Amino acid sequence: MHEDWKGEGVGSKLLDIAEERAADSGVDSIWLTTPEQHPYLPSLYRDRGYEATEPYPLEYRDYDEVVMEKSLS
């Protein structure tokens, strides 16, 4: 997210739309990856119903990510 838009709800709205479209398409769950050591993203996603399911190591970055999944049904 561009620095000027952080905290304005744009990311949450985009996530709402992605979840809505996935559910409307009959998808049972949705997943994403996020840096596991990020200062706020993992907790933001947990607050929205996502659960960490497995690590997602990145060989080309200095950090690893984690897979988070949310049931849409």
C-alpha atoms as a PDB file:
ATOM      1  CA  MET A   1       0.000   0.000   0.000  1.00  0.00           C
ATOM      2  CA  HIS A   2       1.289   3.444  -0.856  1.00  0.00           C
ATOM      3  CA  GLU A   3       2.370   5.338   2.265  1.00  0.00           C
ATOM      4  CA  ASP A   4      -0.173   8.130   1.613  1.00  0.00           C
ATOM      5  CA  TRP A   5      -3.042   5.630   1.719  1.00  0.00           C
ATOM      6  CA  LYS A   6      -2.071   3.557   4.750  1.00  0.00           C
ATOM      7  CA  GLY A   7      -4.722   3.726   7.450  1.00  0.00           C
ATOM      8  CA  GLU A   8      -7.394   4.963   5.040  1.00  0.00           C
ATOM      9  CA  GLY A   9      -9.164   1.598   4.713  1.00  0.00           C
ATOM     10  CA  VAL A  10      -8.151   0.991   1.099  1.00  0.00           C
ATOM     11  CA  GLY A  11      -6.438  -2.336   1.849  1.00  0.00           C
ATOM     12  CA  SER A  12      -9.396  -3.544   3.907  1.00  0.00           C
ATOM     13  CA  LYS A  13     -11.813  -2.623   1.119  1.00  0.00           C
ATOM     14  CA  LEU A  14      -9.680  -4.485  -1.450  1.00  0.00           C
ATOM     15  CA  LEU A  15      -9.617  -7.540   0.827  1.00  0.00           C
ATOM     16  CA  ASP A  16     -13.409  -7.295   1.269  1.00  0.00           C
ATOM     17  CA  ILE A  17     -13.861  -7.312  -2.508  1.00  0.00           C
ATOM     18  CA  ALA A  18     -11.467 -10.251  -3.019  1.00  0.00           C
ATOM     19  CA  GLU A  19     -13.251 -12.288  -0.323  1.00  0.00           C
ATOM     20  CA  GLU A  20     -16.668 -11.397  -1.752  1.00  0.00           C
ATOM     21  CA  ARG A  21     -15.721 -12.363  -5.295  1.00  0.00           C
ATOM     22  CA  ALA A  22     -14.139 -15.616  -4.150  1.00  0.00           C
ATOM     23  CA  ALA A  23     -17.257 -16.527  -2.129  1.00  0.00           C
ATOM     24  CA  ASP A  24     -19.552 -15.581  -5.041  1.00  0.00           C
ATOM     25  CA  SER A  25     -17.481 -17.904  -7.255  1.00  0.00           C
ATOM     26  CA  GLY A  26     -18.086 -20.819  -4.907  1.00  0.00           C
ATOM     27  CA  VAL A  27     -14.623 -20.877  -3.345  1.00  0.00           C
ATOM     28  CA  ASP A  28     -14.670 -22.447   0.142  1.00  0.00           C
ATOM     29  CA  SER A  29     -11.541 -20.791   1.482  1.00  0.00           C
ATOM     30  CA  ILE A  30      -9.048 -18.133   0.585  1.00  0.00           C
ATOM     31  CA  TRP A  31      -5.383 -17.907   1.482  1.00  0.00           C
ATOM     32  CA  LEU A  32      -2.632 -15.350   1.371  1.00  0.00           C
ATOM     33  CA  THR A  33       1.002 -15.039   2.329  1.00  0.00           C
ATOM     34  CA  THR A  34       2.448 -12.322   4.511  1.00  0.00           C
ATOM     35  CA  PRO A  35       5.817 -11.707   6.166  1.00  0.00           C
ATOM     36  CA  GLU A  36       5.574 -13.544   9.482  1.00  0.00           C
ATOM     37  CA  GLN A  37       7.637 -10.907  11.304  1.00  0.00           C
ATOM     38  CA  HIS A  38       5.723  -7.910   9.911  1.00  0.00           C
ATOM     39  CA  PRO A  39       4.790  -5.514  12.736  1.00  0.00           C
ATOM     40  CA  TYR A  40       1.027  -5.577  12.116  1.00  0.00           C
ATOM     41  CA  LEU A  41      -0.112  -7.537   9.019  1.00  0.00           C
ATOM     42  CA  PRO A  42      -0.352 -11.022  10.589  1.00  0.00           C
ATOM     43  CA  SER A  43      -2.519  -9.691  13.435  1.00  0.00           C
ATOM     44  CA  LEU A  44      -4.641  -7.646  11.004  1.00  0.00           C
ATOM     45  CA  TYR A  45      -5.366 -10.809   9.018  1.00  0.00           C
ATOM     46  CA  ARG A  46      -6.034 -12.844  12.206  1.00  0.00           C
ATOM     47  CA  ASP A  47      -8.550 -10.183  13.269  1.00  0.00           C
ATOM     48  CA  ARG A  48     -10.288 -10.707   9.898  1.00  0.00           C
ATOM     49  CA  GLY A  49     -10.583 -14.469  10.457  1.00  0.00           C
ATOM     50  CA  TYR A  50      -7.397 -15.761   8.817  1.00  0.00           C
ATOM     51  CA  GLU A  51      -5.354 -18.467  10.530  1.00  0.00           C
ATOM     52  CA  ALA A  52      -1.685 -19.255   9.987  1.00  0.00           C
ATOM     53  CA  THR A  53      -1.410 -22.686   8.362  1.00  0.00           C
ATOM     54  CA  GLU A  54       2.224 -23.192   7.379  1.00  0.00           C
ATOM     55  CA  PRO A  55       5.517 -21.397   6.905  1.00  0.00           C
ATOM     56  CA  TYR A  56       6.364 -20.124   3.426  1.00  0.00           C
ATOM     57  CA  PRO A  57      10.153 -19.860   3.173  1.00  0.00           C
ATOM     58  CA  LEU A  58      11.550 -17.448   0.620  1.00  0.00           C
ATOM     59  CA  GLU A  59      15.020 -18.200  -0.688  1.00  0.00           C
ATOM     60  CA  TYR A  60      15.252 -14.896  -2.557  1.00  0.00           C
ATOM     61  CA  ARG A  61      14.386 -12.627   0.409  1.00  0.00           C
ATOM     62  CA  ASP A  62      15.922 -11.901   3.799  1.00  0.00           C
ATOM     63  CA  TYR A  63      12.688 -12.948   5.484  1.00  0.00           C
ATOM     64  CA  ASP A  64      10.150 -15.771   5.366  1.00  0.00           C
ATOM     65  CA  GLU A  65       6.422 -15.520   4.985  1.00  0.00           C
ATOM     66  CA  VAL A  66       3.557 -17.487   6.449  1.00  0.00           C
ATOM     67  CA  VAL A  67       0.473 -18.861   4.666  1.00  0.00           C
ATOM     68  CA  MET A  68      -2.791 -17.691   6.211  1.00  0.00           C
ATOM     69  CA  GLU A  69      -6.193 -19.131   5.315  1.00  0.00           C
ATOM     70  CA  LYS A  70      -9.801 -18.083   5.908  1.00  0.00           C
ATOM     71  CA  SER A  71     -12.925 -20.197   5.455  1.00  0.00           C
ATOM     72  CA  LEU A  72     -15.542 -18.474   3.306  1.00  0.00           C
ATOM     73  CA  SER A  73     -18.335 -20.982   3.818  1.00  0.00           C
END
